[in-house]
C-alpha cells in the first residue's frame, strides 16, 4: 500500500501549510481527550505539538517574512535525490523547538501578538511534559498538575473552533472569561 508523503515546504508550501493545520487540529483534539482522561502530562505534550504544527503553518504562510532571519541553503536528501534547500524552508519544515520563540517574535506583527504569548506557553508545557510538576520551580514554572491542566486549556483555546464541543466539555468556562 502506498502512503502519501507530507509535502515539503520547498516543493509545495501551500499543501504543506494545509497539512500542518490539519495536524494541529488533530493534536489539539487528542490533547483534550487526554485531559478528559486525566492524562495531564500527555495532554500538555499534545497541546505543545498542536501549537508547533500551527506555528509551522503560520511560518509557511509568512515564509518571505522569515527568509532574512534564516539565510542560506544546504543540501538535503529528498526521496532519491539531493537538492539544495533554503534554510528558511528547513526551519519551516522542522520548526525546531529552539527557534520557536524567534519564529513567533518575527510573525507577531503580522499574525498577532498572541503568537508569541502562546509559543512561550507551549514551551512551558513542553518542559512540564518532560520534567513533570515542579513545586520548587527548578525545572519548570508549572508547580502542579492542576496548573498544567489550566494552562493546557488556555493554549488549546486557540483551537476551540476546530475541536468543537470537546473544548467546552473538557475546559469549561475556566479559560473563556476575560
C-alpha atoms as a PDB file:
ATOM      1  CA  UNK A   1       0.000   0.000   0.000  1.00  0.00           C
ATOM      2  CA  UNK A   2       1.313   3.432  -0.901  1.00  0.00           C
ATOM      3  CA  UNK A   3       1.026   6.106   1.755  1.00  0.00           C
ATOM      4  CA  UNK A   4       1.037   9.784   0.911  1.00  0.00           C
ATOM      5  CA  UNK A   5       4.181  11.653   1.878  1.00  0.00           C
ATOM      6  CA  UNK A   6       3.846  15.013   3.587  1.00  0.00           C
ATOM      7  CA  UNK A   7       4.600  17.753   1.112  1.00  0.00           C
ATOM      8  CA  UNK A   8       7.821  19.539   1.880  1.00  0.00           C
ATOM      9  CA  UNK A   9       7.614  23.327   2.055  1.00  0.00           C
ATOM     10  CA  UNK A  10      10.238  23.648  -0.671  1.00  0.00           C
ATOM     11  CA  UNK A  11       8.066  21.592  -3.024  1.00  0.00           C
ATOM     12  CA  UNK A  12       4.576  22.987  -2.311  1.00  0.00           C
ATOM     13  CA  UNK A  13       4.323  25.491   0.534  1.00  0.00           C
ATOM     14  CA  UNK A  14       0.509  25.763   0.415  1.00  0.00           C
ATOM     15  CA  UNK A  15      -0.044  21.993   0.527  1.00  0.00           C
ATOM     16  CA  UNK A  16       2.414  21.828   3.423  1.00  0.00           C
ATOM     17  CA  UNK A  17       0.606  24.659   5.259  1.00  0.00           C
ATOM     18  CA  UNK A  18      -2.759  22.914   4.951  1.00  0.00           C
ATOM     19  CA  UNK A  19      -1.287  19.622   6.189  1.00  0.00           C
ATOM     20  CA  UNK A  20       0.185  21.339   9.264  1.00  0.00           C
ATOM     21  CA  UNK A  21      -3.189  22.969  10.037  1.00  0.00           C
ATOM     22  CA  UNK A  22      -4.856  19.540   9.917  1.00  0.00           C
ATOM     23  CA  UNK A  23      -2.121  18.158  12.157  1.00  0.00           C
ATOM     24  CA  UNK A  24      -2.667  20.999  14.647  1.00  0.00           C
ATOM     25  CA  UNK A  25      -6.403  20.287  14.831  1.00  0.00           C
ATOM     26  CA  UNK A  26      -5.849  16.542  15.361  1.00  0.00           C
ATOM     27  CA  UNK A  27      -3.194  17.113  18.050  1.00  0.00           C
ATOM     28  CA  UNK A  28      -5.446  19.634  19.848  1.00  0.00           C
ATOM     29  CA  UNK A  29      -8.346  17.174  19.869  1.00  0.00           C
ATOM     30  CA  UNK A  30      -6.093  14.413  21.197  1.00  0.00           C
ATOM     31  CA  UNK A  31      -4.791  16.769  23.904  1.00  0.00           C
ATOM     32  CA  UNK A  32      -8.357  17.429  25.039  1.00  0.00           C
ATOM     33  CA  UNK A  33      -9.144  13.709  25.085  1.00  0.00           C
ATOM     34  CA  UNK A  34      -6.047  13.058  27.211  1.00  0.00           C
ATOM     35  CA  UNK A  35      -7.003  15.902  29.535  1.00  0.00           C
ATOM     36  CA  UNK A  36     -10.525  14.460  29.902  1.00  0.00           C
ATOM     37  CA  UNK A  37      -8.938  11.137  30.907  1.00  0.00           C
ATOM     38  CA  UNK A  38      -6.694  12.822  33.489  1.00  0.00           C
ATOM     39  CA  UNK A  39      -3.502  12.309  31.483  1.00  0.00           C
ATOM     40  CA  UNK A  40      -2.276  15.842  32.087  1.00  0.00           C
ATOM     41  CA  UNK A  41       1.364  15.416  31.047  1.00  0.00           C
ATOM     42  CA  UNK A  42       0.337  13.667  27.826  1.00  0.00           C
ATOM     43  CA  UNK A  43      -2.223  16.403  27.178  1.00  0.00           C
ATOM     44  CA  UNK A  44       0.428  19.073  27.694  1.00  0.00           C
ATOM     45  CA  UNK A  45       2.675  17.322  25.185  1.00  0.00           C
ATOM     46  CA  UNK A  46      -0.079  17.090  22.594  1.00  0.00           C
ATOM     47  CA  UNK A  47      -1.035  20.741  23.151  1.00  0.00           C
ATOM     48  CA  UNK A  48       2.616  21.621  22.510  1.00  0.00           C
ATOM     49  CA  UNK A  49       2.596  19.537  19.309  1.00  0.00           C
ATOM     50  CA  UNK A  50      -0.627  21.229  18.193  1.00  0.00           C
ATOM     51  CA  UNK A  51       0.920  24.653  18.670  1.00  0.00           C
ATOM     52  CA  UNK A  52       4.164  23.619  16.983  1.00  0.00           C
ATOM     53  CA  UNK A  53       2.229  22.384  13.933  1.00  0.00           C
ATOM     54  CA  UNK A  54       0.178  25.588  13.888  1.00  0.00           C
ATOM     55  CA  UNK A  55       3.366  27.677  14.111  1.00  0.00           C
ATOM     56  CA  UNK A  56       4.741  25.683  11.161  1.00  0.00           C
ATOM     57  CA  UNK A  57       1.619  26.544   9.164  1.00  0.00           C
ATOM     58  CA  UNK A  58       1.993  30.228  10.080  1.00  0.00           C
ATOM     59  CA  UNK A  59       5.670  30.133   9.146  1.00  0.00           C
ATOM     60  CA  UNK A  60       4.800  28.629   5.765  1.00  0.00           C
ATOM     61  CA  UNK A  61       2.157  31.295   5.205  1.00  0.00           C
ATOM     62  CA  UNK A  62       4.637  34.075   6.054  1.00  0.00           C
ATOM     63  CA  UNK A  63       7.724  32.452   4.526  1.00  0.00           C
ATOM     64  CA  UNK A  64       9.049  35.642   2.963  1.00  0.00           C
ATOM     65  CA  UNK A  65       8.962  37.429   6.312  1.00  0.00           C
ATOM     66  CA  UNK A  66      11.228  34.744   7.795  1.00  0.00           C
ATOM     67  CA  UNK A  67      13.672  34.479   4.888  1.00  0.00           C
ATOM     68  CA  UNK A  68      16.111  37.174   6.134  1.00  0.00           C
ATOM     69  CA  UNK A  69      16.186  35.709   9.645  1.00  0.00           C
ATOM     70  CA  UNK A  70      17.134  32.256   8.349  1.00  0.00           C
ATOM     71  CA  UNK A  71      19.508  32.895   5.422  1.00  0.00           C
ATOM     72  CA  UNK A  72      21.472  30.418   3.384  1.00  0.00           C
ATOM     73  CA  UNK A  73      20.840  26.986   1.954  1.00  0.00           C
ATOM     74  CA  UNK A  74      22.006  23.421   2.417  1.00  0.00           C
ATOM     75  CA  UNK A  75      21.797  20.158   0.576  1.00  0.00           C
ATOM     76  CA  UNK A  76      19.278  17.626   1.828  1.00  0.00           C
ATOM     77  CA  UNK A  77      18.317  14.201   0.634  1.00  0.00           C
ATOM     78  CA  UNK A  78      14.769  14.165  -0.643  1.00  0.00           C
ATOM     79  CA  UNK A  79      13.470  10.878  -1.976  1.00  0.00           C
ATOM     80  CA  UNK A  80      16.207   9.629  -4.308  1.00  0.00           C
ATOM     81  CA  UNK A  81      17.869  12.933  -4.988  1.00  0.00           C
ATOM     82  CA  UNK A  82      19.982  15.505  -3.238  1.00  0.00           C
ATOM     83  CA  UNK A  83      18.540  19.006  -3.515  1.00  0.00           C
ATOM     84  CA  UNK A  84      19.622  22.400  -2.294  1.00  0.00           C
ATOM     85  CA  UNK A  85      17.026  23.802   0.090  1.00  0.00           C
ATOM     86  CA  UNK A  86      16.840  27.259   1.577  1.00  0.00           C
ATOM     87  CA  UNK A  87      17.396  27.370   5.336  1.00  0.00           C
ATOM     88  CA  UNK A  88      14.034  29.082   5.837  1.00  0.00           C
ATOM     89  CA  UNK A  89      12.307  26.048   4.319  1.00  0.00           C
ATOM     90  CA  UNK A  90      14.180  23.704   6.645  1.00  0.00           C
ATOM     91  CA  UNK A  91      13.090  25.824   9.623  1.00  0.00           C
ATOM     92  CA  UNK A  92       9.502  25.786   8.355  1.00  0.00           C
ATOM     93  CA  UNK A  93       9.612  22.006   7.907  1.00  0.00           C
ATOM     94  CA  UNK A  94      11.130  21.242  11.310  1.00  0.00           C
ATOM     95  CA  UNK A  95      10.015  24.170  13.475  1.00  0.00           C
ATOM     96  CA  UNK A  96      12.902  23.489  15.848  1.00  0.00           C
ATOM     97  CA  UNK A  97      11.942  23.953  19.475  1.00  0.00           C
ATOM     98  CA  UNK A  98      14.980  26.212  19.891  1.00  0.00           C
ATOM     99  CA  UNK A  99      13.728  28.508  17.108  1.00  0.00           C
ATOM    100  CA  UNK A 100      10.056  28.700  18.113  1.00  0.00           C
ATOM    101  CA  UNK A 101      10.350  31.954  20.082  1.00  0.00           C
ATOM    102  CA  UNK A 102      12.321  33.600  17.286  1.00  0.00           C
ATOM    103  CA  UNK A 103       9.782  32.477  14.675  1.00  0.00           C
ATOM    104  CA  UNK A 104       6.853  33.683  16.777  1.00  0.00           C
ATOM    105  CA  UNK A 105       8.502  37.037  17.510  1.00  0.00           C
ATOM    106  CA  UNK A 106       9.079  37.590  13.796  1.00  0.00           C
ATOM    107  CA  UNK A 107       5.482  36.672  12.992  1.00  0.00           C
ATOM    108  CA  UNK A 108       3.839  38.582  15.853  1.00  0.00           C
ATOM    109  CA  UNK A 109       3.476  41.739  13.769  1.00  0.00           C
ATOM    110  CA  UNK A 110       1.511  40.037  11.004  1.00  0.00           C
ATOM    111  CA  UNK A 111      -0.030  37.051  12.786  1.00  0.00           C
ATOM    112  CA  UNK A 112      -0.923  38.818  16.051  1.00  0.00           C
ATOM    113  CA  UNK A 113       0.701  39.237  19.446  1.00  0.00           C
ATOM    114  CA  UNK A 114      -0.883  36.071  20.800  1.00  0.00           C
ATOM    115  CA  UNK A 115       1.512  34.067  18.654  1.00  0.00           C
ATOM    116  CA  UNK A 116       4.474  34.967  20.866  1.00  0.00           C
ATOM    117  CA  UNK A 117       2.487  34.502  24.086  1.00  0.00           C
ATOM    118  CA  UNK A 118       1.110  31.138  23.017  1.00  0.00           C
ATOM    119  CA  UNK A 119       4.553  29.995  21.895  1.00  0.00           C
ATOM    120  CA  UNK A 120       6.017  30.836  25.297  1.00  0.00           C
ATOM    121  CA  UNK A 121       3.147  28.960  26.941  1.00  0.00           C
ATOM    122  CA  UNK A 122       3.617  25.967  24.626  1.00  0.00           C
ATOM    123  CA  UNK A 123       7.305  25.820  25.520  1.00  0.00           C
ATOM    124  CA  UNK A 124       6.442  25.846  29.239  1.00  0.00           C
ATOM    125  CA  UNK A 125       4.026  22.956  28.662  1.00  0.00           C
ATOM    126  CA  UNK A 126       6.741  21.122  26.728  1.00  0.00           C
ATOM    127  CA  UNK A 127       9.113  21.427  29.704  1.00  0.00           C
ATOM    128  CA  UNK A 128       6.353  20.311  32.059  1.00  0.00           C
ATOM    129  CA  UNK A 129       5.641  17.273  29.889  1.00  0.00           C
ATOM    130  CA  UNK A 130       9.243  16.134  30.141  1.00  0.00           C
ATOM    131  CA  UNK A 131      10.034  17.197  33.712  1.00  0.00           C
ATOM    132  CA  UNK A 132       6.647  16.922  35.403  1.00  0.00           C
ATOM    133  CA  UNK A 133       5.293  19.267  38.045  1.00  0.00           C
ATOM    134  CA  UNK A 134       7.950  21.241  39.889  1.00  0.00           C
ATOM    135  CA  UNK A 135       6.763  22.943  43.095  1.00  0.00           C
ATOM    136  CA  UNK A 136      10.244  24.413  43.653  1.00  0.00           C
ATOM    137  CA  UNK A 137      10.440  25.849  40.123  1.00  0.00           C
ATOM    138  CA  UNK A 138      13.880  24.480  39.257  1.00  0.00           C
ATOM    139  CA  UNK A 139      12.989  22.718  36.009  1.00  0.00           C
ATOM    140  CA  UNK A 140       9.683  24.267  35.035  1.00  0.00           C
ATOM    141  CA  UNK A 141       7.453  27.127  36.110  1.00  0.00           C
ATOM    142  CA  UNK A 142       4.474  24.789  36.413  1.00  0.00           C
ATOM    143  CA  UNK A 143       4.156  23.717  40.060  1.00  0.00           C
ATOM    144  CA  UNK A 144       1.397  21.102  39.825  1.00  0.00           C
ATOM    145  CA  UNK A 145      -0.880  19.125  37.520  1.00  0.00           C
ATOM    146  CA  UNK A 146      -3.890  21.368  38.148  1.00  0.00           C
ATOM    147  CA  UNK A 147      -1.970  24.428  36.961  1.00  0.00           C
ATOM    148  CA  UNK A 148      -0.754  22.443  33.948  1.00  0.00           C
ATOM    149  CA  UNK A 149      -4.324  21.450  33.076  1.00  0.00           C
ATOM    150  CA  UNK A 150      -5.469  25.090  33.202  1.00  0.00           C
ATOM    151  CA  UNK A 151      -2.517  26.211  31.085  1.00  0.00           C
ATOM    152  CA  UNK A 152      -3.174  23.416  28.596  1.00  0.00           C
ATOM    153  CA  UNK A 153      -6.757  24.652  28.258  1.00  0.00           C
ATOM    154  CA  UNK A 154      -5.504  28.211  27.843  1.00  0.00           C
ATOM    155  CA  UNK A 155      -3.304  27.157  24.918  1.00  0.00           C
ATOM    156  CA  UNK A 156      -5.976  24.927  23.404  1.00  0.00           C
ATOM    157  CA  UNK A 157      -8.471  27.791  23.471  1.00  0.00           C
ATOM    158  CA  UNK A 158      -6.862  28.840  20.186  1.00  0.00           C
ATOM    159  CA  UNK A 159      -8.189  25.590  18.678  1.00  0.00           C
ATOM    160  CA  UNK A 160     -11.646  25.710  20.299  1.00  0.00           C
ATOM    161  CA  UNK A 161     -13.403  26.194  16.961  1.00  0.00           C
ATOM    162  CA  UNK A 162     -11.676  23.151  15.416  1.00  0.00           C
ATOM    163  CA  UNK A 163     -12.292  20.919  18.432  1.00  0.00           C
ATOM    164  CA  UNK A 164     -15.960  21.863  18.772  1.00  0.00           C
ATOM    165  CA  UNK A 165     -17.897  20.900  21.879  1.00  0.00           C
ATOM    166  CA  UNK A 166     -14.988  18.852  23.232  1.00  0.00           C
ATOM    167  CA  UNK A 167     -13.132  22.008  24.261  1.00  0.00           C
ATOM    168  CA  UNK A 168     -16.131  23.300  26.232  1.00  0.00           C
ATOM    169  CA  UNK A 169     -16.769  19.897  27.786  1.00  0.00           C
ATOM    170  CA  UNK A 170     -13.179  19.454  28.977  1.00  0.00           C
ATOM    171  CA  UNK A 171     -12.104  23.007  29.704  1.00  0.00           C
ATOM    172  CA  UNK A 172     -15.437  24.604  30.529  1.00  0.00           C
ATOM    173  CA  UNK A 173     -15.600  28.307  31.131  1.00  0.00           C
ATOM    174  CA  UNK A 174     -12.337  28.493  33.082  1.00  0.00           C
ATOM    175  CA  UNK A 175     -10.310  29.992  30.226  1.00  0.00           C
ATOM    176  CA  UNK A 176     -13.048  31.657  28.182  1.00  0.00           C
ATOM    177  CA  UNK A 177     -13.795  34.511  30.577  1.00  0.00           C
ATOM    178  CA  UNK A 178     -11.723  37.724  30.450  1.00  0.00           C
END
